């Protein structure tokens, strides 16, 4: 089971690219689940482009996932946003 949060998404256009942010502290998720989940997201998102994180040191942006991580740092979750590094208000 994985927690998936859609956060800070702007209006969609075919050129938009969405980014995944995850808790890299979750060892099981990092080594086993993320690639599988990412493949599923890409396969099911035929009209949306989703990209993997460029680096593992970015972490999770401000989101509801952080409240779960505060209780359990191994909680497997992904936040999908329209920004790779910082929020851009359009």
N, C-alpha and C. Protein backbone atom coordinates (compact mmCIF):
# COMPACT_ATOMS: atom_id res chain seq x y z
N UNK A 1 0.84 -1.17 0.00
CA UNK A 1 0.00 0.00 0.00
C UNK A 1 0.89 1.24 0.00
N UNK A 2 0.55 2.19 -0.86
CA UNK A 2 1.31 3.43 -0.98
C UNK A 2 0.36 4.62 -0.90
N UNK A 3 0.81 5.66 -0.25
CA UNK A 3 0.06 6.90 -0.16
C UNK A 3 0.49 7.77 -1.33
N UNK A 4 -0.47 8.21 -2.14
CA UNK A 4 -0.19 9.08 -3.27
C UNK A 4 -0.97 10.36 -3.08
N UNK A 5 -0.26 11.48 -3.07
CA UNK A 5 -0.90 12.78 -2.87
C UNK A 5 -0.67 13.64 -4.11
N UNK A 6 -1.77 14.21 -4.61
CA UNK A 6 -1.70 15.18 -5.70
C UNK A 6 -1.71 16.54 -5.04
N UNK A 7 -0.67 17.33 -5.29
CA UNK A 7 -0.49 18.57 -4.54
C UNK A 7 0.05 19.66 -5.46
N UNK A 8 -0.45 20.86 -5.31
CA UNK A 8 0.04 22.03 -6.03
C UNK A 8 0.06 21.79 -7.54
N UNK A 9 -1.04 21.26 -8.06
CA UNK A 9 -1.14 21.05 -9.49
C UNK A 9 -1.86 22.22 -10.13
N UNK A 10 -1.30 22.75 -11.20
CA UNK A 10 -1.91 23.85 -11.94
C UNK A 10 -2.81 23.26 -13.03
N UNK A 11 -3.46 24.14 -13.76
CA UNK A 11 -4.28 23.68 -14.89
C UNK A 11 -3.41 22.89 -15.85
N UNK A 12 -3.98 21.83 -16.39
CA UNK A 12 -3.23 20.91 -17.24
C UNK A 12 -3.17 21.40 -18.68
N UNK A 13 -2.02 21.27 -19.29
CA UNK A 13 -1.88 21.42 -20.74
C UNK A 13 -1.04 20.24 -21.20
N UNK A 14 -1.16 19.85 -22.46
CA UNK A 14 -0.42 18.68 -22.95
C UNK A 14 1.10 18.78 -22.79
N UNK A 15 1.63 19.98 -22.63
CA UNK A 15 3.07 20.15 -22.49
C UNK A 15 3.53 20.09 -21.04
N UNK A 16 2.59 20.04 -20.10
CA UNK A 16 2.94 20.02 -18.68
C UNK A 16 3.64 18.72 -18.30
N UNK A 17 4.56 18.87 -17.38
CA UNK A 17 5.28 17.73 -16.83
C UNK A 17 5.06 17.73 -15.32
N UNK A 18 4.70 16.59 -14.76
CA UNK A 18 4.49 16.48 -13.33
C UNK A 18 5.64 15.70 -12.72
N UNK A 19 5.92 15.98 -11.46
CA UNK A 19 7.09 15.43 -10.79
C UNK A 19 6.69 14.65 -9.55
N UNK A 20 7.39 13.58 -9.29
CA UNK A 20 7.17 12.79 -8.08
C UNK A 20 8.20 13.18 -7.03
N UNK A 21 7.73 13.32 -5.80
CA UNK A 21 8.60 13.60 -4.65
C UNK A 21 8.29 12.51 -3.63
N UNK A 22 9.31 11.94 -3.06
CA UNK A 22 9.06 10.83 -2.14
C UNK A 22 9.94 10.90 -0.91
N UNK A 23 9.58 10.08 0.06
CA UNK A 23 10.33 9.95 1.29
C UNK A 23 11.46 8.95 1.05
N UNK A 24 12.66 9.45 0.89
CA UNK A 24 13.80 8.57 0.62
C UNK A 24 14.29 7.86 1.87
N UNK A 25 13.69 8.14 3.02
CA UNK A 25 14.06 7.44 4.26
C UNK A 25 13.41 6.06 4.34
N UNK A 26 12.38 5.84 3.57
CA UNK A 26 11.68 4.56 3.59
C UNK A 26 12.48 3.55 2.76
N UNK A 27 13.23 2.69 3.43
CA UNK A 27 14.14 1.78 2.73
C UNK A 27 13.41 0.80 1.82
N UNK A 28 12.31 0.22 2.30
CA UNK A 28 11.58 -0.74 1.46
C UNK A 28 11.04 -0.04 0.23
N UNK A 29 10.47 1.12 0.41
CA UNK A 29 9.89 1.86 -0.70
C UNK A 29 10.97 2.32 -1.67
N UNK A 30 12.07 2.75 -1.13
CA UNK A 30 13.15 3.26 -1.98
C UNK A 30 13.70 2.17 -2.89
N UNK A 31 13.90 0.98 -2.36
CA UNK A 31 14.56 -0.06 -3.14
C UNK A 31 13.60 -0.97 -3.90
N UNK A 32 12.37 -1.10 -3.42
CA UNK A 32 11.45 -2.05 -4.06
C UNK A 32 10.26 -1.36 -4.70
N UNK A 33 9.60 -0.50 -3.96
CA UNK A 33 8.31 -0.01 -4.38
C UNK A 33 8.29 1.17 -5.32
N UNK A 34 9.26 2.07 -5.22
CA UNK A 34 9.15 3.30 -6.00
C UNK A 34 9.20 3.03 -7.49
N UNK A 35 10.15 2.23 -7.95
CA UNK A 35 10.23 1.96 -9.39
C UNK A 35 8.97 1.28 -9.90
N UNK A 36 8.43 0.36 -9.12
CA UNK A 36 7.20 -0.31 -9.52
C UNK A 36 6.04 0.69 -9.56
N UNK A 37 5.92 1.51 -8.53
CA UNK A 37 4.86 2.51 -8.49
C UNK A 37 5.03 3.51 -9.63
N UNK A 38 6.25 3.94 -9.89
CA UNK A 38 6.50 4.89 -10.97
C UNK A 38 6.10 4.31 -12.32
N UNK A 39 6.41 3.05 -12.56
CA UNK A 39 6.01 2.39 -13.81
C UNK A 39 4.50 2.35 -13.95
N UNK A 40 3.80 2.06 -12.87
CA UNK A 40 2.33 2.04 -12.89
C UNK A 40 1.78 3.43 -13.19
N UNK A 41 2.33 4.45 -12.53
CA UNK A 41 1.88 5.82 -12.76
C UNK A 41 2.08 6.22 -14.22
N UNK A 42 3.23 5.90 -14.78
CA UNK A 42 3.48 6.24 -16.18
C UNK A 42 2.55 5.48 -17.12
N UNK A 43 2.32 4.23 -16.85
CA UNK A 43 1.46 3.41 -17.70
C UNK A 43 0.01 3.90 -17.68
N UNK A 44 -0.46 4.30 -16.49
CA UNK A 44 -1.85 4.73 -16.34
C UNK A 44 -2.06 6.19 -16.71
N UNK A 45 -1.00 6.94 -16.88
CA UNK A 45 -1.10 8.38 -17.17
C UNK A 45 -0.78 8.62 -18.63
N UNK A 46 -1.64 8.16 -19.50
CA UNK A 46 -1.36 8.22 -20.93
C UNK A 46 -1.34 9.65 -21.47
N UNK A 47 -2.08 10.58 -20.86
CA UNK A 47 -2.12 11.96 -21.34
C UNK A 47 -1.32 12.92 -20.47
N UNK A 48 -0.59 12.38 -19.51
CA UNK A 48 0.16 13.20 -18.57
C UNK A 48 1.59 12.66 -18.52
N UNK A 49 2.55 13.56 -18.52
CA UNK A 49 3.96 13.14 -18.39
C UNK A 49 4.38 13.27 -16.93
N UNK A 50 4.96 12.21 -16.39
CA UNK A 50 5.42 12.19 -15.01
C UNK A 50 6.91 11.86 -15.01
N UNK A 51 7.67 12.61 -14.20
CA UNK A 51 9.12 12.43 -14.16
C UNK A 51 9.57 11.99 -12.78
N UNK A 52 10.66 11.26 -12.73
CA UNK A 52 11.28 10.85 -11.47
C UNK A 52 12.06 12.01 -10.88
N UNK A 53 12.33 11.96 -9.59
CA UNK A 53 13.17 13.00 -8.98
C UNK A 53 14.57 12.99 -9.58
N UNK A 54 15.15 14.19 -9.74
CA UNK A 54 16.51 14.29 -10.26
C UNK A 54 17.54 13.84 -9.24
N UNK A 55 17.21 14.02 -7.98
CA UNK A 55 18.14 13.68 -6.90
C UNK A 55 17.35 13.15 -5.71
N UNK A 56 18.00 12.43 -4.84
CA UNK A 56 17.33 11.87 -3.67
C UNK A 56 17.38 12.79 -2.46
N UNK A 57 18.04 13.94 -2.58
CA UNK A 57 18.15 14.81 -1.41
C UNK A 57 17.10 15.92 -1.36
N UNK A 58 16.15 15.92 -2.28
CA UNK A 58 15.11 16.95 -2.27
C UNK A 58 14.04 16.70 -1.22
N UNK A 59 13.69 15.46 -1.01
CA UNK A 59 12.67 15.15 -0.02
C UNK A 59 11.26 15.47 -0.48
N UNK A 60 10.37 15.63 0.48
CA UNK A 60 8.95 15.84 0.21
C UNK A 60 8.61 17.31 0.44
N UNK A 61 7.89 17.94 -0.51
CA UNK A 61 7.49 19.33 -0.29
C UNK A 61 6.42 19.41 0.80
N UNK A 62 6.11 20.60 1.28
CA UNK A 62 5.03 20.72 2.28
C UNK A 62 3.76 20.05 1.77
N UNK A 63 3.27 19.09 2.53
CA UNK A 63 2.13 18.30 2.09
C UNK A 63 1.57 17.51 3.28
N UNK A 64 0.43 16.87 3.05
CA UNK A 64 -0.17 16.02 4.08
C UNK A 64 0.69 14.81 4.40
N UNK A 65 1.47 14.36 3.42
CA UNK A 65 2.35 13.21 3.63
C UNK A 65 3.28 13.44 4.81
N UNK A 66 3.69 14.67 5.04
CA UNK A 66 4.60 14.95 6.14
C UNK A 66 4.00 14.61 7.51
N UNK A 67 2.68 14.71 7.66
CA UNK A 67 2.08 14.34 8.94
C UNK A 67 2.18 12.84 9.18
N UNK A 68 2.09 12.04 8.13
CA UNK A 68 2.28 10.59 8.26
C UNK A 68 3.75 10.27 8.57
N UNK A 69 4.65 10.99 7.91
CA UNK A 69 6.08 10.75 8.13
C UNK A 69 6.52 11.15 9.53
N UNK A 70 5.83 12.12 10.12
CA UNK A 70 6.17 12.53 11.49
C UNK A 70 5.91 11.39 12.47
N UNK A 71 4.92 10.56 12.17
CA UNK A 71 4.59 9.42 13.04
C UNK A 71 5.39 8.17 12.69
N UNK A 72 5.74 8.05 11.39
CA UNK A 72 6.45 6.86 10.93
C UNK A 72 7.35 7.25 9.76
N UNK A 73 8.64 7.40 10.00
CA UNK A 73 9.56 7.86 8.96
C UNK A 73 9.73 6.85 7.82
N UNK A 74 9.24 5.63 8.01
CA UNK A 74 9.30 4.60 6.97
C UNK A 74 8.03 4.56 6.12
N UNK A 75 7.10 5.47 6.36
CA UNK A 75 5.81 5.46 5.65
C UNK A 75 6.04 5.67 4.15
N UNK A 76 5.57 4.74 3.30
CA UNK A 76 5.80 4.85 1.86
C UNK A 76 4.79 5.78 1.21
N UNK A 77 5.28 6.91 0.70
CA UNK A 77 4.38 7.85 0.06
C UNK A 77 5.05 8.66 -1.02
N UNK A 78 4.22 9.17 -1.93
CA UNK A 78 4.68 9.99 -3.04
C UNK A 78 3.77 11.20 -3.14
N UNK A 79 4.38 12.36 -3.39
CA UNK A 79 3.62 13.58 -3.67
C UNK A 79 3.89 13.94 -5.12
N UNK A 80 2.83 14.15 -5.89
CA UNK A 80 2.96 14.52 -7.30
C UNK A 80 2.62 16.00 -7.42
N UNK A 81 3.55 16.78 -7.98
CA UNK A 81 3.37 18.22 -8.11
C UNK A 81 3.69 18.67 -9.54
N UNK A 82 3.49 19.96 -9.79
CA UNK A 82 3.85 20.51 -11.10
C UNK A 82 5.20 21.22 -11.06
N UNK A 83 5.98 20.98 -10.02
CA UNK A 83 7.29 21.61 -9.90
C UNK A 83 8.33 20.58 -9.45
N UNK A 84 9.52 20.74 -9.99
CA UNK A 84 10.59 19.81 -9.65
C UNK A 84 11.31 20.23 -8.37
N UNK A 85 11.51 21.53 -8.20
CA UNK A 85 12.31 22.00 -7.07
C UNK A 85 11.53 22.89 -6.13
N UNK A 86 10.93 23.95 -6.63
CA UNK A 86 10.20 24.89 -5.80
C UNK A 86 8.87 25.23 -6.45
N UNK A 87 7.92 25.59 -5.63
CA UNK A 87 6.59 25.90 -6.12
C UNK A 87 6.61 27.17 -6.95
N UNK A 88 5.95 27.15 -8.10
CA UNK A 88 5.83 28.32 -8.96
C UNK A 88 4.36 28.67 -9.08
N UNK A 89 3.96 29.80 -8.55
CA UNK A 89 2.58 30.23 -8.62
C UNK A 89 2.33 30.89 -9.97
N UNK A 90 1.46 30.27 -10.77
CA UNK A 90 1.19 30.81 -12.11
C UNK A 90 -0.10 31.59 -12.11
